[in-house]
């Protein structure tokens, strides 16, 4: 019996790291990114704001798209991986210092991603800002949950993107977002406003088995032929005015 109990204790101890969560400060992650070290976290609670707009390689951008607005860009030069992680603070790849307080157009800060990013089964408890971000490699957000606004407005995804089984608890902002490769929103849940107005889909976009409980805005959106809304549920209002599928006027069947 003693031998059996010892064996069970050893097994339990060996399994502990697979489910037990640890806590790290956002600063630890930022320091690793600045040192270009491997960033890979699993079953981790991240405390504090993870502000990627203030990396060591931050530089002022001249002749930027914002005309007279002062702008700075940071670049994440390594792959970043988070699985089963909870972000307690804000996740910032974009910020705009208050233009009213500065008596001007404000100062814009953005962060771009040169390598793959992975957020599997993660929870973003506060705002997540990816506005204007440029994703050069694969981006995965499968199974994650955004409890506050998920802001991807004007972002550019140059490789495959996967938002399958993601829950957007507040505004899902993909207005003017550009998807250069396949994009998946299969089984995604949009609890409030889903803004896909003017979104640019270059390849197939799959919303199969997704659900829109709030406003679904696809006005002026042009979808490629391989796009799918099979078994998609629209519980709230929707706007597909001027939307097209393979060049033809399109509005999915409400279920």
C-alpha atoms as a PDB file:
ATOM      1  CA  UNK A   1       0.000   0.000   0.000  1.00  0.00           C
ATOM      2  CA  UNK A   2       2.800   2.410   0.862  1.00  0.00           C
ATOM      3  CA  UNK A   3       4.446   1.718  -2.499  1.00  0.00           C
ATOM      4  CA  UNK A   4       1.152   2.367  -4.301  1.00  0.00           C
ATOM      5  CA  UNK A   5       0.592   5.675  -2.501  1.00  0.00           C
ATOM      6  CA  UNK A   6       4.147   6.756  -3.299  1.00  0.00           C
ATOM      7  CA  UNK A   7       3.645   5.912  -6.970  1.00  0.00           C
ATOM      8  CA  UNK A   8       0.377   7.866  -7.090  1.00  0.00           C
ATOM      9  CA  UNK A   9       2.031  10.850  -5.434  1.00  0.00           C
ATOM     10  CA  UNK A  10       4.818  10.811  -7.994  1.00  0.00           C
ATOM     11  CA  UNK A  11       2.309  10.674 -10.841  1.00  0.00           C
ATOM     12  CA  UNK A  12       0.320  13.558  -9.379  1.00  0.00           C
ATOM     13  CA  UNK A  13       3.481  15.596  -8.943  1.00  0.00           C
ATOM     14  CA  UNK A  14       4.555  14.969 -12.532  1.00  0.00           C
ATOM     15  CA  UNK A  15       1.159  16.097 -13.816  1.00  0.00           C
ATOM     16  CA  UNK A  16       1.045  19.268 -11.716  1.00  0.00           C
ATOM     17  CA  UNK A  17       2.751  21.591 -14.233  1.00  0.00           C
ATOM     18  CA  UNK A  18       0.271  20.582 -16.941  1.00  0.00           C
ATOM     19  CA  UNK A  19      -2.694  22.207 -15.180  1.00  0.00           C
ATOM     20  CA  UNK A  20      -1.435  24.429 -12.399  1.00  0.00           C
ATOM     21  CA  UNK A  21      -1.302  28.109 -13.287  1.00  0.00           C
ATOM     22  CA  UNK A  22       1.561  30.378 -12.408  1.00  0.00           C
ATOM     23  CA  UNK A  23       1.680  34.148 -12.389  1.00  0.00           C
ATOM     24  CA  UNK A  24       4.162  36.381 -14.203  1.00  0.00           C
ATOM     25  CA  UNK A  25       4.376  40.123 -14.616  1.00  0.00           C
ATOM     26  CA  UNK A  26       3.987  41.643 -18.084  1.00  0.00           C
ATOM     27  CA  UNK A  27       7.429  43.199 -17.645  1.00  0.00           C
ATOM     28  CA  UNK A  28       9.042  39.751 -17.739  1.00  0.00           C
ATOM     29  CA  UNK A  29       7.542  39.133 -21.174  1.00  0.00           C
ATOM     30  CA  UNK A  30       8.542  42.550 -22.468  1.00  0.00           C
ATOM     31  CA  UNK A  31      12.119  42.015 -21.272  1.00  0.00           C
ATOM     32  CA  UNK A  32      12.268  38.705 -23.161  1.00  0.00           C
ATOM     33  CA  UNK A  33      10.962  40.321 -26.337  1.00  0.00           C
ATOM     34  CA  UNK A  34      13.548  43.086 -26.057  1.00  0.00           C
ATOM     35  CA  UNK A  35      16.293  40.473 -25.618  1.00  0.00           C
ATOM     36  CA  UNK A  36      14.816  38.457 -28.506  1.00  0.00           C
ATOM     37  CA  UNK A  37      14.472  35.418 -26.291  1.00  0.00           C
ATOM     38  CA  UNK A  38      11.856  32.688 -26.739  1.00  0.00           C
ATOM     39  CA  UNK A  39       8.426  33.808 -25.579  1.00  0.00           C
ATOM     40  CA  UNK A  40       6.286  30.758 -24.844  1.00  0.00           C
ATOM     41  CA  UNK A  41       3.859  30.587 -21.917  1.00  0.00           C
ATOM     42  CA  UNK A  42       1.276  27.995 -20.934  1.00  0.00           C
ATOM     43  CA  UNK A  43      -1.214  27.962 -18.050  1.00  0.00           C
ATOM     44  CA  UNK A  44      -0.040  31.400 -16.997  1.00  0.00           C
ATOM     45  CA  UNK A  45      -1.704  34.477 -15.524  1.00  0.00           C
ATOM     46  CA  UNK A  46      -0.103  37.668 -16.838  1.00  0.00           C
ATOM     47  CA  UNK A  47      -0.490  40.687 -14.577  1.00  0.00           C
ATOM     48  CA  UNK A  48      -0.105  44.318 -15.576  1.00  0.00           C
ATOM     49  CA  UNK A  49      -0.490  45.909 -18.999  1.00  0.00           C
ATOM     50  CA  UNK A  50       1.455  44.198 -21.782  1.00  0.00           C
ATOM     51  CA  UNK A  51       2.433  47.295 -23.771  1.00  0.00           C
ATOM     52  CA  UNK A  52       4.202  46.260 -26.970  1.00  0.00           C
ATOM     53  CA  UNK A  53       4.264  49.827 -28.271  1.00  0.00           C
ATOM     54  CA  UNK A  54       7.172  50.696 -25.978  1.00  0.00           C
ATOM     55  CA  UNK A  55       9.745  48.120 -27.087  1.00  0.00           C
ATOM     56  CA  UNK A  56      13.454  48.903 -27.174  1.00  0.00           C
ATOM     57  CA  UNK A  57      13.365  49.073 -30.995  1.00  0.00           C
ATOM     58  CA  UNK A  58      10.675  51.758 -31.045  1.00  0.00           C
ATOM     59  CA  UNK A  59      11.316  54.324 -33.744  1.00  0.00           C
ATOM     60  CA  UNK A  60       9.665  57.452 -34.975  1.00  0.00           C
ATOM     61  CA  UNK A  61       7.913  57.042 -38.315  1.00  0.00           C
ATOM     62  CA  UNK A  62       8.398  59.715 -40.948  1.00  0.00           C
ATOM     63  CA  UNK A  63       6.013  60.137 -43.892  1.00  0.00           C
ATOM     64  CA  UNK A  64       3.457  58.009 -42.093  1.00  0.00           C
ATOM     65  CA  UNK A  65      -0.141  57.419 -43.153  1.00  0.00           C
ATOM     66  CA  UNK A  66      -1.424  59.727 -40.431  1.00  0.00           C
ATOM     67  CA  UNK A  67      -0.152  62.896 -42.123  1.00  0.00           C
ATOM     68  CA  UNK A  68       0.707  65.469 -39.482  1.00  0.00           C
ATOM     69  CA  UNK A  69       0.230  63.103 -36.540  1.00  0.00           C
ATOM     70  CA  UNK A  70       3.416  62.125 -34.717  1.00  0.00           C
ATOM     71  CA  UNK A  71       3.803  58.334 -34.830  1.00  0.00           C
ATOM     72  CA  UNK A  72       6.086  55.629 -33.417  1.00  0.00           C
ATOM     73  CA  UNK A  73       6.375  51.940 -34.298  1.00  0.00           C
ATOM     74  CA  UNK A  74       7.726  48.957 -32.375  1.00  0.00           C
ATOM     75  CA  UNK A  75       8.357  45.517 -33.859  1.00  0.00           C
ATOM     76  CA  UNK A  76       8.081  42.086 -32.225  1.00  0.00           C
ATOM     77  CA  UNK A  77      10.873  40.239 -34.015  1.00  0.00           C
ATOM     78  CA  UNK A  78      10.374  36.757 -32.519  1.00  0.00           C
ATOM     79  CA  UNK A  79       7.482  34.260 -32.428  1.00  0.00           C
ATOM     80  CA  UNK A  80       5.220  34.619 -29.388  1.00  0.00           C
ATOM     81  CA  UNK A  81       3.112  31.762 -28.040  1.00  0.00           C
ATOM     82  CA  UNK A  82       0.491  31.802 -25.283  1.00  0.00           C
ATOM     83  CA  UNK A  83      -1.666  28.782 -24.451  1.00  0.00           C
ATOM     84  CA  UNK A  84      -4.316  28.690 -21.738  1.00  0.00           C
ATOM     85  CA  UNK A  85      -3.168  32.087 -20.489  1.00  0.00           C
ATOM     86  CA  UNK A  86      -5.113  34.913 -18.864  1.00  0.00           C
ATOM     87  CA  UNK A  87      -4.182  38.532 -19.479  1.00  0.00           C
ATOM     88  CA  UNK A  88      -5.320  40.495 -16.444  1.00  0.00           C
ATOM     89  CA  UNK A  89      -4.192  43.842 -17.821  1.00  0.00           C
ATOM     90  CA  UNK A  90      -4.601  45.494 -21.200  1.00  0.00           C
ATOM     91  CA  UNK A  91      -2.890  44.024 -24.267  1.00  0.00           C
ATOM     92  CA  UNK A  92      -1.569  47.010 -26.201  1.00  0.00           C
ATOM     93  CA  UNK A  93      -0.193  46.862 -29.718  1.00  0.00           C
ATOM     94  CA  UNK A  94      -1.709  50.302 -30.325  1.00  0.00           C
ATOM     95  CA  UNK A  95      -2.352  53.442 -28.321  1.00  0.00           C
ATOM     96  CA  UNK A  96      -3.076  57.074 -29.035  1.00  0.00           C
ATOM     97  CA  UNK A  97      -2.134  59.642 -26.442  1.00  0.00           C
ATOM     98  CA  UNK A  98      -5.047  61.955 -25.844  1.00  0.00           C
ATOM     99  CA  UNK A  99      -5.152  64.563 -28.631  1.00  0.00           C
ATOM    100  CA  UNK A 100      -7.347  66.879 -26.547  1.00  0.00           C
ATOM    101  CA  UNK A 101      -4.907  66.949 -23.681  1.00  0.00           C
ATOM    102  CA  UNK A 102      -2.007  67.485 -26.089  1.00  0.00           C
ATOM    103  CA  UNK A 103      -3.928  70.190 -28.014  1.00  0.00           C
ATOM    104  CA  UNK A 104      -3.171  68.543 -31.350  1.00  0.00           C
ATOM    105  CA  UNK A 105      -3.667  65.292 -33.273  1.00  0.00           C
ATOM    106  CA  UNK A 106      -2.185  63.187 -30.492  1.00  0.00           C
ATOM    107  CA  UNK A 107       0.732  60.766 -30.709  1.00  0.00           C
ATOM    108  CA  UNK A 108       0.186  57.304 -32.205  1.00  0.00           C
ATOM    109  CA  UNK A 109       2.050  54.178 -31.089  1.00  0.00           C
ATOM    110  CA  UNK A 110       1.746  50.849 -32.906  1.00  0.00           C
ATOM    111  CA  UNK A 111       3.393  47.435 -32.729  1.00  0.00           C
ATOM    112  CA  UNK A 112       3.924  44.995 -35.602  1.00  0.00           C
ATOM    113  CA  UNK A 113       4.663  41.250 -35.638  1.00  0.00           C
ATOM    114  CA  UNK A 114       7.360  39.829 -37.928  1.00  0.00           C
ATOM    115  CA  UNK A 115       6.901  36.220 -36.802  1.00  0.00           C
ATOM    116  CA  UNK A 116       4.013  33.913 -35.925  1.00  0.00           C
ATOM    117  CA  UNK A 117       1.722  34.762 -33.029  1.00  0.00           C
ATOM    118  CA  UNK A 118      -0.311  32.173 -31.136  1.00  0.00           C
ATOM    119  CA  UNK A 119      -3.038  32.745 -28.548  1.00  0.00           C
ATOM    120  CA  UNK A 120      -4.772  29.413 -27.927  1.00  0.00           C
ATOM    121  CA  UNK A 121      -7.555  29.236 -25.336  1.00  0.00           C
ATOM    122  CA  UNK A 122      -6.493  32.548 -23.827  1.00  0.00           C
ATOM    123  CA  UNK A 123      -8.615  35.104 -21.976  1.00  0.00           C
ATOM    124  CA  UNK A 124      -8.216  38.834 -22.491  1.00  0.00           C
ATOM    125  CA  UNK A 125      -9.934  40.368 -19.471  1.00  0.00           C
ATOM    126  CA  UNK A 126      -9.344  43.985 -20.433  1.00  0.00           C
ATOM    127  CA  UNK A 127      -9.045  45.817 -23.743  1.00  0.00           C
ATOM    128  CA  UNK A 128      -6.952  44.321 -26.532  1.00  0.00           C
ATOM    129  CA  UNK A 129      -5.612  46.819 -29.036  1.00  0.00           C
ATOM    130  CA  UNK A 130      -4.186  45.618 -32.374  1.00  0.00           C
ATOM    131  CA  UNK A 131      -5.257  48.614 -34.450  1.00  0.00           C
ATOM    132  CA  UNK A 132      -2.914  49.236 -37.428  1.00  0.00           C
ATOM    133  CA  UNK A 133      -0.790  46.178 -36.519  1.00  0.00           C
ATOM    134  CA  UNK A 134       0.930  44.336 -39.369  1.00  0.00           C
ATOM    135  CA  UNK A 135       1.053  40.537 -38.949  1.00  0.00           C
ATOM    136  CA  UNK A 136       3.597  39.127 -41.394  1.00  0.00           C
ATOM    137  CA  UNK A 137       3.225  35.452 -40.421  1.00  0.00           C
ATOM    138  CA  UNK A 138       0.489  33.116 -39.195  1.00  0.00           C
ATOM    139  CA  UNK A 139      -1.825  34.394 -36.435  1.00  0.00           C
ATOM    140  CA  UNK A 140      -3.843  31.990 -34.264  1.00  0.00           C
ATOM    141  CA  UNK A 141      -6.439  32.993 -31.659  1.00  0.00           C
ATOM    142  CA  UNK A 142      -8.436  29.726 -31.494  1.00  0.00           C
ATOM    143  CA  UNK A 143     -10.602  29.138 -28.461  1.00  0.00           C
ATOM    144  CA  UNK A 144      -9.796  32.503 -26.914  1.00  0.00           C
ATOM    145  CA  UNK A 145     -12.137  34.949 -25.214  1.00  0.00           C
ATOM    146  CA  UNK A 146     -12.168  38.746 -25.477  1.00  0.00           C
ATOM    147  CA  UNK A 147     -14.191  40.172 -22.586  1.00  0.00           C
ATOM    148  CA  UNK A 148     -13.707  43.798 -23.640  1.00  0.00           C
ATOM    149  CA  UNK A 149     -13.369  45.350 -27.088  1.00  0.00           C
ATOM    150  CA  UNK A 150     -11.147  43.444 -29.519  1.00  0.00           C
ATOM    151  CA  UNK A 151      -9.776  46.191 -31.746  1.00  0.00           C
ATOM    152  CA  UNK A 152      -8.245  45.013 -35.042  1.00  0.00           C
ATOM    153  CA  UNK A 153      -9.306  48.056 -37.048  1.00  0.00           C
ATOM    154  CA  UNK A 154      -6.955  48.744 -40.004  1.00  0.00           C
ATOM    155  CA  UNK A 155      -4.801  45.721 -39.070  1.00  0.00           C
ATOM    156  CA  UNK A 156      -3.156  43.739 -41.887  1.00  0.00           C
ATOM    157  CA  UNK A 157      -2.813  39.952 -41.788  1.00  0.00           C
ATOM    158  CA  UNK A 158      -0.446  38.742 -44.511  1.00  0.00           C
ATOM    159  CA  UNK A 159      -0.676  34.997 -43.747  1.00  0.00           C
ATOM    160  CA  UNK A 160      -3.343  32.527 -42.585  1.00  0.00           C
ATOM    161  CA  UNK A 161      -5.451  33.666 -39.623  1.00  0.00           C
ATOM    162  CA  UNK A 162      -7.612  31.540 -37.327  1.00  0.00           C
ATOM    163  CA  UNK A 163     -10.265  32.976 -34.998  1.00  0.00           C
ATOM    164  CA  UNK A 164     -12.184  29.688 -34.748  1.00  0.00           C
ATOM    165  CA  UNK A 165     -14.200  29.111 -31.581  1.00  0.00           C
ATOM    166  CA  UNK A 166     -13.378  32.605 -30.299  1.00  0.00           C
ATOM    167  CA  UNK A 167     -15.863  34.454 -28.105  1.00  0.00           C
ATOM    168  CA  UNK A 168     -16.104  38.212 -28.520  1.00  0.00           C
ATOM    169  CA  UNK A 169     -17.866  39.476 -25.410  1.00  0.00           C
ATOM    170  CA  UNK A 170     -17.911  43.113 -26.521  1.00  0.00           C
ATOM    171  CA  UNK A 171     -17.263  45.038 -29.746  1.00  0.00           C
ATOM    172  CA  UNK A 172     -15.367  42.975 -32.333  1.00  0.00           C
ATOM    173  CA  UNK A 173     -13.801  45.683 -34.476  1.00  0.00           C
ATOM    174  CA  UNK A 174     -12.483  44.475 -37.839  1.00  0.00           C
ATOM    175  CA  UNK A 175     -13.427  47.586 -39.794  1.00  0.00           C
ATOM    176  CA  UNK A 176     -11.007  48.163 -42.702  1.00  0.00           C
ATOM    177  CA  UNK A 177      -8.975  45.106 -41.639  1.00  0.00           C
ATOM    178  CA  UNK A 178      -7.095  43.427 -44.512  1.00  0.00           C
ATOM    179  CA  UNK A 179      -6.846  39.617 -44.694  1.00  0.00           C
ATOM    180  CA  UNK A 180      -4.403  38.581 -47.426  1.00  0.00           C
ATOM    181  CA  UNK A 181      -4.819  34.805 -46.943  1.00  0.00           C
ATOM    182  CA  UNK A 182      -7.531  32.452 -45.659  1.00  0.00           C
ATOM    183  CA  UNK A 183      -9.362  33.575 -42.540  1.00  0.00           C
ATOM    184  CA  UNK A 184     -11.477  31.358 -40.283  1.00  0.00           C
ATOM    185  CA  UNK A 185     -14.166  32.470 -37.841  1.00  0.00           C
ATOM    186  CA  UNK A 186     -15.715  28.997 -37.578  1.00  0.00           C
ATOM    187  CA  UNK A 187     -17.858  28.552 -34.435  1.00  0.00           C
ATOM    188  CA  UNK A 188     -17.006  32.094 -33.327  1.00  0.00           C
ATOM    189  CA  UNK A 189     -19.471  33.881 -31.033  1.00  0.00           C
ATOM    190  CA  UNK A 190     -20.124  37.601 -31.356  1.00  0.00           C
ATOM    191  CA  UNK A 191     -22.096  38.727 -28.324  1.00  0.00           C
ATOM    192  CA  UNK A 192     -22.313  42.418 -29.245  1.00  0.00           C
ATOM    193  CA  UNK A 193     -21.488  44.567 -32.292  1.00  0.00           C
ATOM    194  CA  UNK A 194     -19.417  42.789 -34.957  1.00  0.00           C
ATOM    195  CA  UNK A 195     -17.962  45.405 -37.294  1.00  0.00           C
ATOM    196  CA  UNK A 196     -16.732  44.016 -40.627  1.00  0.00           C
ATOM    197  CA  UNK A 197     -17.569  47.139 -42.596  1.00  0.00           C
ATOM    198  CA  UNK A 198     -15.100  47.692 -45.467  1.00  0.00           C
ATOM    199  CA  UNK A 199     -13.115  44.621 -44.365  1.00  0.00           C
ATOM    200  CA  UNK A 200     -10.871  43.330 -47.167  1.00  0.00           C
ATOM    201  CA  UNK A 201     -10.871  39.554 -47.724  1.00  0.00           C
ATOM    202  CA  UNK A 202      -8.417  38.500 -50.430  1.00  0.00           C
ATOM    203  CA  UNK A 203      -8.988  34.750 -49.999  1.00  0.00           C
ATOM    204  CA  UNK A 204     -11.724  32.602 -48.487  1.00  0.00           C
ATOM    205  CA  UNK A 205     -13.469  33.701 -45.290  1.00  0.00           C
ATOM    206  CA  UNK A 206     -15.262  31.017 -43.294  1.00  0.00           C
ATOM    207  CA  UNK A 207     -17.968  31.966 -40.772  1.00  0.00           C
ATOM    208  CA  UNK A 208     -19.349  28.438 -40.701  1.00  0.00           C
ATOM    209  CA  UNK A 209     -21.341  27.644 -37.513  1.00  0.00           C
ATOM    210  CA  UNK A 210     -20.614  31.098 -36.090  1.00  0.00           C
ATOM    211  CA  UNK A 211     -23.224  33.074 -34.180  1.00  0.00           C
ATOM    212  CA  UNK A 212     -23.977  36.802 -34.151  1.00  0.00           C
ATOM    213  CA  UNK A 213     -26.051  37.773 -31.118  1.00  0.00           C
ATOM    214  CA  UNK A 214     -25.633  41.513 -31.710  1.00  0.00           C
ATOM    215  CA  UNK A 215     -25.371  43.700 -34.798  1.00  0.00           C
ATOM    216  CA  UNK A 216     -23.485  42.087 -37.702  1.00  0.00           C
ATOM    217  CA  UNK A 217     -22.217  44.840 -39.998  1.00  0.00           C
ATOM    218  CA  UNK A 218     -20.803  43.679 -43.356  1.00  0.00           C
ATOM    219  CA  UNK A 219     -21.704  46.796 -45.296  1.00  0.00           C
ATOM    220  CA  UNK A 220     -19.432  47.416 -48.318  1.00  0.00           C
ATOM    221  CA  UNK A 221     -17.585  44.138 -47.661  1.00  0.00           C
ATOM    222  CA  UNK A 222     -16.484  42.108 -50.694  1.00  0.00           C
ATOM    223  CA  UNK A 223     -16.160  38.370 -50.047  1.00  0.00           C
ATOM    224  CA  UNK A 224     -14.275  35.905 -52.287  1.00  0.00           C
ATOM    225  CA  UNK A 225     -16.086  33.004 -53.927  1.00  0.00           C
ATOM    226  CA  UNK A 226     -14.821  30.420 -51.417  1.00  0.00           C
ATOM    227  CA  UNK A 227     -16.338  32.255 -48.433  1.00  0.00           C
ATOM    228  CA  UNK A 228     -18.908  30.415 -46.326  1.00  0.00           C
ATOM    229  CA  UNK A 229     -21.771  31.329 -43.972  1.00  0.00           C
ATOM    230  CA  UNK A 230     -23.055  27.777 -43.732  1.00  0.00           C
ATOM    231  CA  UNK A 231     -25.104  27.199 -40.548  1.00  0.00           C
ATOM    232  CA  UNK A 232     -24.329  30.723 -39.335  1.00  0.00           C
ATOM    233  CA  UNK A 233     -26.907  32.143 -36.912  1.00  0.00           C
ATOM    234  CA  UNK A 234     -27.904  35.825 -36.890  1.00  0.00           C
ATOM    235  CA  UNK A 235     -29.860  36.421 -33.701  1.00  0.00           C
ATOM    236  CA  UNK A 236     -29.514  40.202 -33.919  1.00  0.00           C
ATOM    237  CA  UNK A 237     -29.817  42.688 -36.787  1.00  0.00           C
ATOM    238  CA  UNK A 238     -27.456  42.552 -39.757  1.00  0.00           C
ATOM    239  CA  UNK A 239     -26.429  44.890 -42.556  1.00  0.00           C
ATOM    240  CA  UNK A 240     -25.091  43.495 -45.845  1.00  0.00           C
ATOM    241  CA  UNK A 241     -25.867  46.584 -47.901  1.00  0.00           C
ATOM    242  CA  UNK A 242     -23.506  46.785 -50.877  1.00  0.00           C
ATOM    243  CA  UNK A 243     -21.811  43.539 -49.749  1.00  0.00           C
ATOM    244  CA  UNK A 244     -20.839  41.089 -52.490  1.00  0.00           C
ATOM    245  CA  UNK A 245     -19.868  37.430 -52.740  1.00  0.00           C
ATOM    246  CA  UNK A 246     -17.735  36.607 -55.768  1.00  0.00           C
ATOM    247  CA  UNK A 247     -18.744  39.958 -57.243  1.00  0.00           C
ATOM    248  CA  UNK A 248     -22.481  39.430 -56.804  1.00  0.00           C
ATOM    249  CA  UNK A 249     -24.869  41.078 -54.363  1.00  0.00           C
ATOM    250  CA  UNK A 250     -25.035  38.952 -51.253  1.00  0.00           C
ATOM    251  CA  UNK A 251     -26.942  38.591 -48.011  1.00  0.00           C
ATOM    252  CA  UNK A 252     -26.937  35.285 -46.066  1.00  0.00           C
ATOM    253  CA  UNK A 253     -30.112  33.526 -45.020  1.00  0.00           C
ATOM    254  CA  UNK A 254     -31.123  34.335 -41.446  1.00  0.00           C
ATOM    255  CA  UNK A 255     -31.598  31.326 -39.202  1.00  0.00           C
END
